[in-house]
C-alpha atoms as a PDB file:
ATOM      1  CA  MET A   1      -9.115  37.550 -38.269  1.00  0.00           C
ATOM      2  CA  SER A   2      -6.297  35.045 -38.121  1.00  0.00           C
ATOM      3  CA  ASP A   3      -6.670  31.696 -36.423  1.00  0.00           C
ATOM      4  CA  GLN A   4      -5.195  31.334 -32.942  1.00  0.00           C
ATOM      5  CA  THR A   5      -1.887  29.506 -32.804  1.00  0.00           C
ATOM      6  CA  ALA A   6      -1.327  26.502 -30.539  1.00  0.00           C
ATOM      7  CA  ASP A   7       1.231  28.467 -28.531  1.00  0.00           C
ATOM      8  CA  SER A   8      -0.933  31.508 -27.831  1.00  0.00           C
ATOM      9  CA  PRO A   9      -2.312  32.030 -24.286  1.00  0.00           C
ATOM     10  CA  SER A  10      -5.912  31.887 -25.523  1.00  0.00           C
ATOM     11  CA  ALA A  11      -5.271  28.606 -27.351  1.00  0.00           C
ATOM     12  CA  GLY A  12      -3.744  27.135 -24.211  1.00  0.00           C
ATOM     13  CA  LYS A  13      -6.768  28.279 -22.229  1.00  0.00           C
ATOM     14  CA  ASN A  14      -9.128  26.682 -24.738  1.00  0.00           C
ATOM     15  CA  TRP A  15      -7.335  23.350 -24.499  1.00  0.00           C
ATOM     16  CA  LEU A  16      -7.281  23.455 -20.712  1.00  0.00           C
ATOM     17  CA  GLU A  17     -11.018  24.158 -20.810  1.00  0.00           C
ATOM     18  CA  ARG A  18     -11.500  21.117 -23.068  1.00  0.00           C
ATOM     19  CA  ILE A  19      -9.516  18.924 -20.690  1.00  0.00           C
ATOM     20  CA  SER A  20     -11.525  20.205 -17.720  1.00  0.00           C
ATOM     21  CA  GLN A  21     -14.753  19.623 -19.626  1.00  0.00           C
ATOM     22  CA  ALA A  22     -13.695  16.079 -20.519  1.00  0.00           C
ATOM     23  CA  PHE A  23     -13.183  15.211 -16.857  1.00  0.00           C
ATOM     24  CA  SER A  24     -16.285  16.991 -15.529  1.00  0.00           C
ATOM     25  CA  ASP A  25     -18.904  15.941 -18.084  1.00  0.00           C
ATOM     26  CA  GLN A  26     -18.587  12.182 -17.581  1.00  0.00           C
ATOM     27  CA  PRO A  27     -17.315  11.276 -21.056  1.00  0.00           C
ATOM     28  CA  GLU A  28     -18.451   8.030 -22.577  1.00  0.00           C
ATOM     29  CA  SER A  29     -15.024   6.450 -22.125  1.00  0.00           C
ATOM     30  CA  LEU A  30     -11.621   7.097 -20.605  1.00  0.00           C
ATOM     31  CA  LYS A  31     -10.304   6.732 -24.139  1.00  0.00           C
ATOM     32  CA  GLU A  32     -11.875  10.105 -24.950  1.00  0.00           C
ATOM     33  CA  ILE A  33      -9.972  11.721 -22.078  1.00  0.00           C
ATOM     34  CA  VAL A  34      -6.713  10.178 -23.250  1.00  0.00           C
ATOM     35  CA  GLU A  35      -7.298  11.467 -26.768  1.00  0.00           C
ATOM     36  CA  VAL A  36      -7.895  14.992 -25.465  1.00  0.00           C
ATOM     37  CA  VAL A  37      -4.747  15.119 -23.334  1.00  0.00           C
ATOM     38  CA  ARG A  38      -2.617  13.557 -26.081  1.00  0.00           C
ATOM     39  CA  GLU A  39      -3.803  16.197 -28.517  1.00  0.00           C
ATOM     40  CA  ALA A  40      -3.044  18.840 -25.905  1.00  0.00           C
ATOM     41  CA  GLU A  41       0.520  17.488 -25.625  1.00  0.00           C
ATOM     42  CA  GLN A  42       0.915  17.588 -29.407  1.00  0.00           C
ATOM     43  CA  ARG A  43      -0.115  21.252 -29.334  1.00  0.00           C
ATOM     44  CA  ASN A  44       2.424  21.956 -26.546  1.00  0.00           C
ATOM     45  CA  VAL A  45      -0.279  22.741 -23.985  1.00  0.00           C
ATOM     46  CA  LEU A  46       1.012  19.834 -21.892  1.00  0.00           C
ATOM     47  CA  ASP A  47       4.614  18.720 -21.648  1.00  0.00           C
ATOM     48  CA  PRO A  48       5.418  15.005 -22.221  1.00  0.00           C
ATOM     49  CA  ASP A  49       6.051  14.321 -18.530  1.00  0.00           C
ATOM     50  CA  SER A  50       2.667  15.749 -17.541  1.00  0.00           C
ATOM     51  CA  LEU A  51       0.984  13.653 -20.229  1.00  0.00           C
ATOM     52  CA  SER A  52       2.706  10.525 -18.944  1.00  0.00           C
ATOM     53  CA  ILE A  53       1.531  11.198 -15.377  1.00  0.00           C
ATOM     54  CA  ILE A  54      -2.058  11.822 -16.494  1.00  0.00           C
ATOM     55  CA  GLU A  55      -2.067   8.618 -18.528  1.00  0.00           C
ATOM     56  CA  GLY A  56      -0.582   6.734 -15.594  1.00  0.00           C
ATOM     57  CA  ALA A  57      -3.258   8.070 -13.258  1.00  0.00           C
ATOM     58  CA  ILE A  58      -5.958   6.937 -15.686  1.00  0.00           C
ATOM     59  CA  GLN A  59      -4.283   3.567 -16.123  1.00  0.00           C
ATOM     60  CA  VAL A  60      -4.367   2.662 -12.414  1.00  0.00           C
ATOM     61  CA  THR A  61      -8.171   2.747 -12.516  1.00  0.00           C
ATOM     62  CA  HIS A  62      -7.980  -0.383 -14.692  1.00  0.00           C
ATOM     63  CA  MET A  63      -5.060  -2.187 -13.066  1.00  0.00           C
ATOM     64  CA  GLN A  64      -5.366  -4.731 -10.278  1.00  0.00           C
ATOM     65  CA  VAL A  65      -3.041  -5.452  -7.374  1.00  0.00           C
ATOM     66  CA  ARG A  66      -1.975  -8.805  -8.876  1.00  0.00           C
ATOM     67  CA  GLU A  67      -0.321  -6.937 -11.762  1.00  0.00           C
ATOM     68  CA  VAL A  68       2.165  -5.010  -9.603  1.00  0.00           C
ATOM     69  CA  MET A  69       2.535  -7.009  -6.388  1.00  0.00           C
ATOM     70  CA  ILE A  70       5.748  -8.594  -5.177  1.00  0.00           C
ATOM     71  CA  PRO A  71       5.103 -12.369  -5.430  1.00  0.00           C
ATOM     72  CA  ARG A  72       5.187 -14.504  -2.317  1.00  0.00           C
ATOM     73  CA  THR A  73       8.382 -16.222  -3.461  1.00  0.00           C
ATOM     74  CA  GLN A  74      10.222 -12.874  -3.434  1.00  0.00           C
ATOM     75  CA  MET A  75       8.901 -11.581  -0.113  1.00  0.00           C
ATOM     76  CA  ILE A  76      11.460 -10.962   2.627  1.00  0.00           C
ATOM     77  CA  THR A  77       9.782 -11.893   5.905  1.00  0.00           C
ATOM     78  CA  VAL A  78      10.624 -12.317   9.574  1.00  0.00           C
ATOM     79  CA  LYS A  79       9.553 -15.365  11.596  1.00  0.00           C
ATOM     80  CA  ALA A  80       8.282 -14.247  14.983  1.00  0.00           C
ATOM     81  CA  SER A  81       9.657 -17.341  16.718  1.00  0.00           C
ATOM     82  CA  HIS A  82      13.203 -16.936  15.385  1.00  0.00           C
ATOM     83  CA  ASP A  83      16.171 -15.582  17.289  1.00  0.00           C
ATOM     84  CA  PRO A  84      17.390 -12.140  16.140  1.00  0.00           C
ATOM     85  CA  GLU A  85      20.582 -13.560  14.627  1.00  0.00           C
ATOM     86  CA  GLN A  86      18.396 -15.571  12.241  1.00  0.00           C
ATOM     87  CA  TYR A  87      16.837 -12.509  10.598  1.00  0.00           C
ATOM     88  CA  ILE A  88      18.752  -9.349  11.478  1.00  0.00           C
ATOM     89  CA  GLU A  89      21.419  -9.859   8.794  1.00  0.00           C
ATOM     90  CA  GLU A  90      18.806 -10.265   6.057  1.00  0.00           C
ATOM     91  CA  ILE A  91      16.935  -7.179   7.275  1.00  0.00           C
ATOM     92  CA  ILE A  92      20.120  -5.120   7.038  1.00  0.00           C
ATOM     93  CA  SER A  93      21.201  -6.479   3.650  1.00  0.00           C
ATOM     94  CA  SER A  94      17.746  -6.033   2.058  1.00  0.00           C
ATOM     95  CA  ALA A  95      17.635  -2.327   3.035  1.00  0.00           C
ATOM     96  CA  HIS A  96      13.820  -2.428   3.120  1.00  0.00           C
ATOM     97  CA  SER A  97      11.887  -0.404   5.660  1.00  0.00           C
ATOM     98  CA  ARG A  98       8.974  -2.787   6.327  1.00  0.00           C
ATOM     99  CA  PHE A  99       8.789  -6.557   6.786  1.00  0.00           C
ATOM    100  CA  PRO A 100       5.839  -8.946   7.155  1.00  0.00           C
ATOM    101  CA  VAL A 101       6.175 -10.977  10.346  1.00  0.00           C
ATOM    102  CA  MET A 102       5.014 -14.570  10.071  1.00  0.00           C
ATOM    103  CA  GLY A 103       3.447 -16.776  12.721  1.00  0.00           C
ATOM    104  CA  GLU A 104       3.433 -20.547  12.817  1.00  0.00           C
ATOM    105  CA  THR A 105       2.209 -21.170   9.267  1.00  0.00           C
ATOM    106  CA  PRO A 106       3.281 -19.712   5.879  1.00  0.00           C
ATOM    107  CA  ASP A 107      -0.104 -17.971   5.531  1.00  0.00           C
ATOM    108  CA  ASP A 108      -0.152 -16.495   9.036  1.00  0.00           C
ATOM    109  CA  VAL A 109       0.953 -12.841   8.880  1.00  0.00           C
ATOM    110  CA  ILE A 110       0.695 -11.481  12.411  1.00  0.00           C
ATOM    111  CA  GLY A 111       1.848  -7.935  11.674  1.00  0.00           C
ATOM    112  CA  ILE A 112       4.289  -5.584   9.984  1.00  0.00           C
ATOM    113  CA  LEU A 113       7.701  -4.769  11.450  1.00  0.00           C
ATOM    114  CA  LEU A 114       9.222  -1.349  10.742  1.00  0.00           C
ATOM    115  CA  ALA A 115      13.005  -1.281  10.609  1.00  0.00           C
ATOM    116  CA  LYS A 116      13.027   2.077  12.391  1.00  0.00           C
ATOM    117  CA  ASP A 117      11.339   0.433  15.417  1.00  0.00           C
ATOM    118  CA  LEU A 118      13.944  -2.299  15.473  1.00  0.00           C
ATOM    119  CA  LEU A 119      17.088  -0.182  15.153  1.00  0.00           C
ATOM    120  CA  PRO A 120      17.039   1.393  18.659  1.00  0.00           C
ATOM    121  CA  LEU A 121      16.879  -2.053  20.255  1.00  0.00           C
ATOM    122  CA  VAL A 122      19.750  -3.292  18.103  1.00  0.00           C
ATOM    123  CA  TRP A 123      21.807  -0.214  19.013  1.00  0.00           C
ATOM    124  CA  LYS A 124      21.169  -0.708  22.738  1.00  0.00           C
ATOM    125  CA  GLY A 125      21.720  -4.474  22.574  1.00  0.00           C
ATOM    126  CA  GLU A 126      18.213  -5.097  23.886  1.00  0.00           C
ATOM    127  CA  LEU A 127      16.869  -7.157  20.996  1.00  0.00           C
ATOM    128  CA  ARG A 128      15.822 -10.587  22.236  1.00  0.00           C
ATOM    129  CA  LYS A 129      13.789 -13.506  20.946  1.00  0.00           C
ATOM    130  CA  GLY A 130      10.130 -12.553  21.010  1.00  0.00           C
ATOM    131  CA  THR A 131      10.841  -8.830  21.298  1.00  0.00           C
ATOM    132  CA  ILE A 132       9.484  -8.034  17.843  1.00  0.00           C
ATOM    133  CA  ALA A 133       5.989  -9.125  18.921  1.00  0.00           C
ATOM    134  CA  GLU A 134       5.843  -5.917  20.957  1.00  0.00           C
ATOM    135  CA  LEU A 135       6.805  -3.770  17.964  1.00  0.00           C
ATOM    136  CA  LEU A 136       4.337  -5.008  15.357  1.00  0.00           C
ATOM    137  CA  ARG A 137       1.996  -2.742  13.449  1.00  0.00           C
ATOM    138  CA  PRO A 138      -1.323  -4.158  12.142  1.00  0.00           C
ATOM    139  CA  ALA A 139      -1.101  -5.768   8.709  1.00  0.00           C
ATOM    140  CA  SER A 140      -3.449  -4.467   6.010  1.00  0.00           C
ATOM    141  CA  VAL A 141      -4.826  -7.285   3.845  1.00  0.00           C
ATOM    142  CA  VAL A 142      -6.158  -6.804   0.304  1.00  0.00           C
ATOM    143  CA  PRO A 143      -7.355  -9.199  -2.437  1.00  0.00           C
ATOM    144  CA  GLU A 144      -5.447  -9.683  -5.677  1.00  0.00           C
ATOM    145  CA  SER A 145      -8.363  -8.217  -7.598  1.00  0.00           C
ATOM    146  CA  LYS A 146      -8.433  -4.822  -5.853  1.00  0.00           C
ATOM    147  CA  ARG A 147      -8.063  -1.866  -8.207  1.00  0.00           C
ATOM    148  CA  LEU A 148      -4.915   0.182  -7.749  1.00  0.00           C
ATOM    149  CA  ASN A 149      -6.782   3.482  -7.477  1.00  0.00           C
ATOM    150  CA  GLN A 150      -8.857   2.040  -4.617  1.00  0.00           C
ATOM    151  CA  LEU A 151      -5.724   0.724  -2.921  1.00  0.00           C
ATOM    152  CA  LEU A 152      -3.996   4.100  -3.229  1.00  0.00           C
ATOM    153  CA  LYS A 153      -7.000   5.767  -1.596  1.00  0.00           C
ATOM    154  CA  GLU A 154      -6.854   3.261   1.281  1.00  0.00           C
ATOM    155  CA  PHE A 155      -3.111   3.806   1.717  1.00  0.00           C
ATOM    156  CA  LYS A 156      -3.772   7.532   1.989  1.00  0.00           C
ATOM    157  CA  GLN A 157      -6.664   7.191   4.427  1.00  0.00           C
ATOM    158  CA  ASN A 158      -4.998   4.603   6.688  1.00  0.00           C
ATOM    159  CA  ARG A 159      -1.461   5.976   6.311  1.00  0.00           C
ATOM    160  CA  ASN A 160      -0.232   2.514   5.390  1.00  0.00           C
ATOM    161  CA  HIS A 161       2.659   1.933   3.017  1.00  0.00           C
ATOM    162  CA  MET A 162       2.343  -1.834   2.643  1.00  0.00           C
ATOM    163  CA  ALA A 163      -0.446  -4.384   2.291  1.00  0.00           C
ATOM    164  CA  ILE A 164      -0.466  -8.173   2.279  1.00  0.00           C
ATOM    165  CA  VAL A 165      -2.107  -9.622  -0.838  1.00  0.00           C
ATOM    166  CA  VAL A 166      -4.276 -12.734  -0.535  1.00  0.00           C
ATOM    167  CA  ASP A 167      -5.649 -15.003  -3.239  1.00  0.00           C
ATOM    168  CA  GLU A 168      -9.238 -16.219  -3.608  1.00  0.00           C
ATOM    169  CA  TYR A 169      -8.621 -18.982  -1.051  1.00  0.00           C
ATOM    170  CA  GLY A 170      -7.213 -16.650   1.595  1.00  0.00           C
ATOM    171  CA  GLY A 171      -3.604 -17.732   1.099  1.00  0.00           C
ATOM    172  CA  ILE A 172      -0.745 -15.246   0.891  1.00  0.00           C
ATOM    173  CA  ALA A 173      -0.124 -14.304  -2.757  1.00  0.00           C
ATOM    174  CA  GLY A 174       2.409 -11.542  -2.152  1.00  0.00           C
ATOM    175  CA  LEU A 175       2.659  -7.984  -0.926  1.00  0.00           C
ATOM    176  CA  VAL A 176       2.199  -4.544  -2.427  1.00  0.00           C
ATOM    177  CA  THR A 177       3.615  -1.189  -1.367  1.00  0.00           C
ATOM    178  CA  ILE A 178       2.568   2.382  -2.046  1.00  0.00           C
ATOM    179  CA  GLU A 179       5.715   2.711  -4.152  1.00  0.00           C
ATOM    180  CA  ASP A 180       4.499  -0.104  -6.429  1.00  0.00           C
ATOM    181  CA  VAL A 181       1.315   1.869  -7.100  1.00  0.00           C
ATOM    182  CA  LEU A 182       2.956   5.268  -7.532  1.00  0.00           C
ATOM    183  CA  GLU A 183       5.417   3.811 -10.056  1.00  0.00           C
ATOM    184  CA  GLN A 184       2.480   3.047 -12.331  1.00  0.00           C
ATOM    185  CA  ILE A 185       1.686   6.782 -12.373  1.00  0.00           C
ATOM    186  CA  VAL A 186       5.053   8.521 -12.369  1.00  0.00           C
ATOM    187  CA  GLY A 187       7.321   5.769 -13.668  1.00  0.00           C
ATOM    188  CA  GLU A 188      10.114   3.817 -12.012  1.00  0.00           C
ATOM    189  CA  ILE A 189      11.151   5.113  -8.594  1.00  0.00           C
ATOM    190  CA  GLU A 190      14.690   4.044  -7.869  1.00  0.00           C
ATOM    191  CA  ASP A 191      16.869   4.602  -4.840  1.00  0.00           C
ATOM    192  CA  GLU A 192      20.418   3.707  -3.926  1.00  0.00           C
ATOM    193  CA  HIS A 193      19.302   0.257  -2.742  1.00  0.00           C
ATOM    194  CA  ASP A 194      17.513  -0.821  -5.911  1.00  0.00           C
ATOM    195  CA  ILE A 195      19.226  -3.634  -7.775  1.00  0.00           C
ATOM    196  CA  ASP A 196      17.923  -3.601 -11.316  1.00  0.00           C
ATOM    197  CA  ASP A 197      18.996  -7.089 -12.344  1.00  0.00           C
ATOM    198  CA  GLU A 198      17.038  -8.638  -9.454  1.00  0.00           C
ATOM    199  CA  ALA A 199      13.878  -6.627 -10.025  1.00  0.00           C
ATOM    200  CA  MET A 200      13.514  -6.829 -13.788  1.00  0.00           C
ATOM    201  CA  ILE A 201      11.694 -10.189 -13.851  1.00  0.00           C
ATOM    202  CA  LYS A 202       9.171 -11.274 -11.213  1.00  0.00           C
ATOM    203  CA  THR A 203       7.827 -14.822 -11.052  1.00  0.00           C
ATOM    204  CA  LEU A 204       4.058 -14.834 -10.566  1.00  0.00           C
ATOM    205  CA  GLY A 205       3.515 -18.596 -10.612  1.00  0.00           C
ATOM    206  CA  SER A 206       1.568 -20.810 -13.039  1.00  0.00           C
ATOM    207  CA  GLY A 207       4.139 -20.081 -15.735  1.00  0.00           C
ATOM    208  CA  GLU A 208       3.534 -16.325 -15.713  1.00  0.00           C
ATOM    209  CA  TYR A 209       6.113 -13.580 -15.223  1.00  0.00           C
ATOM    210  CA  ASN A 210       6.072  -9.808 -14.983  1.00  0.00           C
ATOM    211  CA  VAL A 211       8.944  -8.495 -17.089  1.00  0.00           C
ATOM    212  CA  LYS A 212      10.002  -4.863 -17.196  1.00  0.00           C
ATOM    213  CA  ALA A 213      10.340  -3.605 -20.738  1.00  0.00           C
ATOM    214  CA  LEU A 214      13.860  -2.358 -19.958  1.00  0.00           C
ATOM    215  CA  THR A 215      15.047  -5.926 -19.294  1.00  0.00           C
ATOM    216  CA  THR A 216      17.961  -6.550 -21.623  1.00  0.00           C
ATOM    217  CA  ILE A 217      17.731  -9.373 -24.120  1.00  0.00           C
ATOM    218  CA  GLN A 218      20.754 -10.944 -22.453  1.00  0.00           C
ATOM    219  CA  GLU A 219      19.016 -10.935 -19.055  1.00  0.00           C
ATOM    220  CA  PHE A 220      15.870 -12.371 -20.629  1.00  0.00           C
ATOM    221  CA  ASN A 221      17.841 -15.158 -22.305  1.00  0.00           C
ATOM    222  CA  GLU A 222      19.664 -16.039 -19.088  1.00  0.00           C
ATOM    223  CA  PHE A 223      16.439 -16.175 -17.065  1.00  0.00           C
ATOM    224  CA  PHE A 224      14.326 -18.160 -19.542  1.00  0.00           C
ATOM    225  CA  GLY A 225      17.094 -20.245 -21.112  1.00  0.00           C
ATOM    226  CA  THR A 226      16.367 -18.829 -24.551  1.00  0.00           C
ATOM    227  CA  ASN A 227      18.616 -17.669 -27.340  1.00  0.00           C
ATOM    228  CA  ILE A 228      16.892 -14.580 -28.704  1.00  0.00           C
ATOM    229  CA  LEU A 229      19.116 -12.720 -31.151  1.00  0.00           C
ATOM    230  CA  ASP A 230      18.014  -9.256 -32.212  1.00  0.00           C
ATOM    231  CA  ASN A 231      20.543  -6.780 -33.502  1.00  0.00           C
ATOM    232  CA  GLU A 232      17.946  -4.007 -33.717  1.00  0.00           C
ATOM    233  CA  PHE A 233      17.135  -3.782 -30.014  1.00  0.00           C
ATOM    234  CA  ASP A 234      18.831  -4.096 -26.641  1.00  0.00           C
ATOM    235  CA  THR A 235      15.717  -4.658 -24.506  1.00  0.00           C
ATOM    236  CA  ILE A 236      12.785  -7.052 -24.478  1.00  0.00           C
ATOM    237  CA  GLY A 237      10.469  -4.055 -24.765  1.00  0.00           C
ATOM    238  CA  GLY A 238      12.048  -3.267 -28.122  1.00  0.00           C
ATOM    239  CA  VAL A 239      11.496  -6.853 -29.278  1.00  0.00           C
ATOM    240  CA  ALA A 240       7.841  -6.653 -28.232  1.00  0.00           C
ATOM    241  CA  LEU A 241       7.375  -3.331 -30.040  1.00  0.00           C
ATOM    242  CA  LYS A 242       8.825  -4.863 -33.198  1.00  0.00           C
ATOM    243  CA  HIS A 243       6.282  -7.679 -33.117  1.00  0.00           C
ATOM    244  CA  PHE A 244       3.371  -5.383 -32.318  1.00  0.00           C
ATOM    245  CA  GLY A 245       4.339  -3.204 -35.265  1.00  0.00           C
ATOM    246  CA  ARG A 246       2.857  -0.217 -33.437  1.00  0.00           C
ATOM    247  CA  LEU A 247       2.717   1.348 -29.990  1.00  0.00           C
ATOM    248  CA  PRO A 248       0.400  -1.004 -28.073  1.00  0.00           C
ATOM    249  CA  GLU A 249      -2.063  -0.200 -25.320  1.00  0.00           C
ATOM    250  CA  ARG A 250      -2.732  -2.005 -22.053  1.00  0.00           C
ATOM    251  CA  ASN A 251      -3.948  -5.629 -22.466  1.00  0.00           C
ATOM    252  CA  ASP A 252      -2.763  -5.801 -26.095  1.00  0.00           C
ATOM    253  CA  GLN A 253      -1.051  -9.124 -26.836  1.00  0.00           C
ATOM    254  CA  THR A 254       1.568 -10.407 -29.226  1.00  0.00           C
ATOM    255  CA  GLU A 255       3.695 -13.531 -29.598  1.00  0.00           C
ATOM    256  CA  PHE A 256       7.423 -13.877 -30.130  1.00  0.00           C
ATOM    257  CA  TYR A 257      10.005 -16.652 -29.794  1.00  0.00           C
ATOM    258  CA  GLY A 258       7.580 -19.060 -28.092  1.00  0.00           C
ATOM    259  CA  PHE A 259       6.163 -16.526 -25.643  1.00  0.00           C
ATOM    260  CA  GLN A 260       2.918 -14.627 -25.363  1.00  0.00           C
ATOM    261  CA  ALA A 261       3.392 -11.041 -24.161  1.00  0.00           C
ATOM    262  CA  THR A 262       0.571  -8.995 -22.650  1.00  0.00           C
ATOM    263  CA  VAL A 263       1.042  -5.277 -22.066  1.00  0.00           C
ATOM    264  CA  LEU A 264       0.398  -4.436 -18.410  1.00  0.00           C
ATOM    265  CA  ASN A 265       1.664  -0.871 -18.456  1.00  0.00           C
ATOM    266  CA  ALA A 266       2.431   1.527 -21.290  1.00  0.00           C
ATOM    267  CA  ASP A 267       2.263   5.242 -21.980  1.00  0.00           C
ATOM    268  CA  SER A 268       2.130   7.341 -25.125  1.00  0.00           C
ATOM    269  CA  ARG A 269       5.800   6.732 -25.859  1.00  0.00           C
ATOM    270  CA  THR A 270       6.814   3.273 -24.736  1.00  0.00           C
ATOM    271  CA  ILE A 271       5.973  -0.026 -23.061  1.00  0.00           C
ATOM    272  CA  ARG A 272       6.785  -0.213 -19.353  1.00  0.00           C
ATOM    273  CA  LEU A 273       5.703  -3.660 -18.163  1.00  0.00           C
ATOM    274  CA  LEU A 274       4.837  -6.981 -19.820  1.00  0.00           C
ATOM    275  CA  LYS A 275       3.302 -10.218 -18.602  1.00  0.00           C
ATOM    276  CA  ILE A 276       5.157 -13.096 -20.236  1.00  0.00           C
ATOM    277  CA  GLU A 277       3.829 -16.654 -20.630  1.00  0.00           C
ATOM    278  CA  ARG A 278       5.361 -19.597 -22.475  1.00  0.00           C
ATOM    279  CA  LEU A 279       3.197 -20.859 -25.306  1.00  0.00           C
END
């Protein structure tokens, strides 16, 4: 009797049974699950996109909020005590749907303002100083160390789309949205308001930066004041891959041109996100 081919229905069934078994029998490590699904993709049981999503879903169980949050310095907020003309233009130009509303101090978030709640008042000319206090939704607060899979579960249960991130001292460290978490699973989610050159590099503080692998070498040089020349690659992800000499996994590190690069997000085909520190 001839061996079953990888493309036959029975072979596909066998591989799906192996994947199901890997998830149900509490394997010794997530690495075993990844190996099973990667082999399934190589045998054409899974398509590459499905593999990427599975790996992303596994990856968020390891990742923490601090790795994907929008840093405090890049948050667009509204001061509750300000007149509408002081914030309405920025709300419109940012094209975001939710905004933290600040009280008297930089660490006092009194609620979340939804743009859709504000628009009717603007249209009717009824927006006045202090009006937004009546429109606020409760702010969800999470620590930097919270796991992304736990945060996603909370977003689903509470129907929240944004959370304020606090550091170990209770100060505001940044914010995180449900989109930030989902992008770790399905890849970059872009809309007509995304501006790539502003989002490619995020300052985390203490000399650390989150840098998307698709950041061009030119953008990297302009931001860090460097003069990296590499005729082989167009992006900083390509430079990192060259120095790794292989396809790295999450938390793998390498050094290049005076920087240490730590992989924050990667799949079976490429690097997605790096943490960059000057040496």
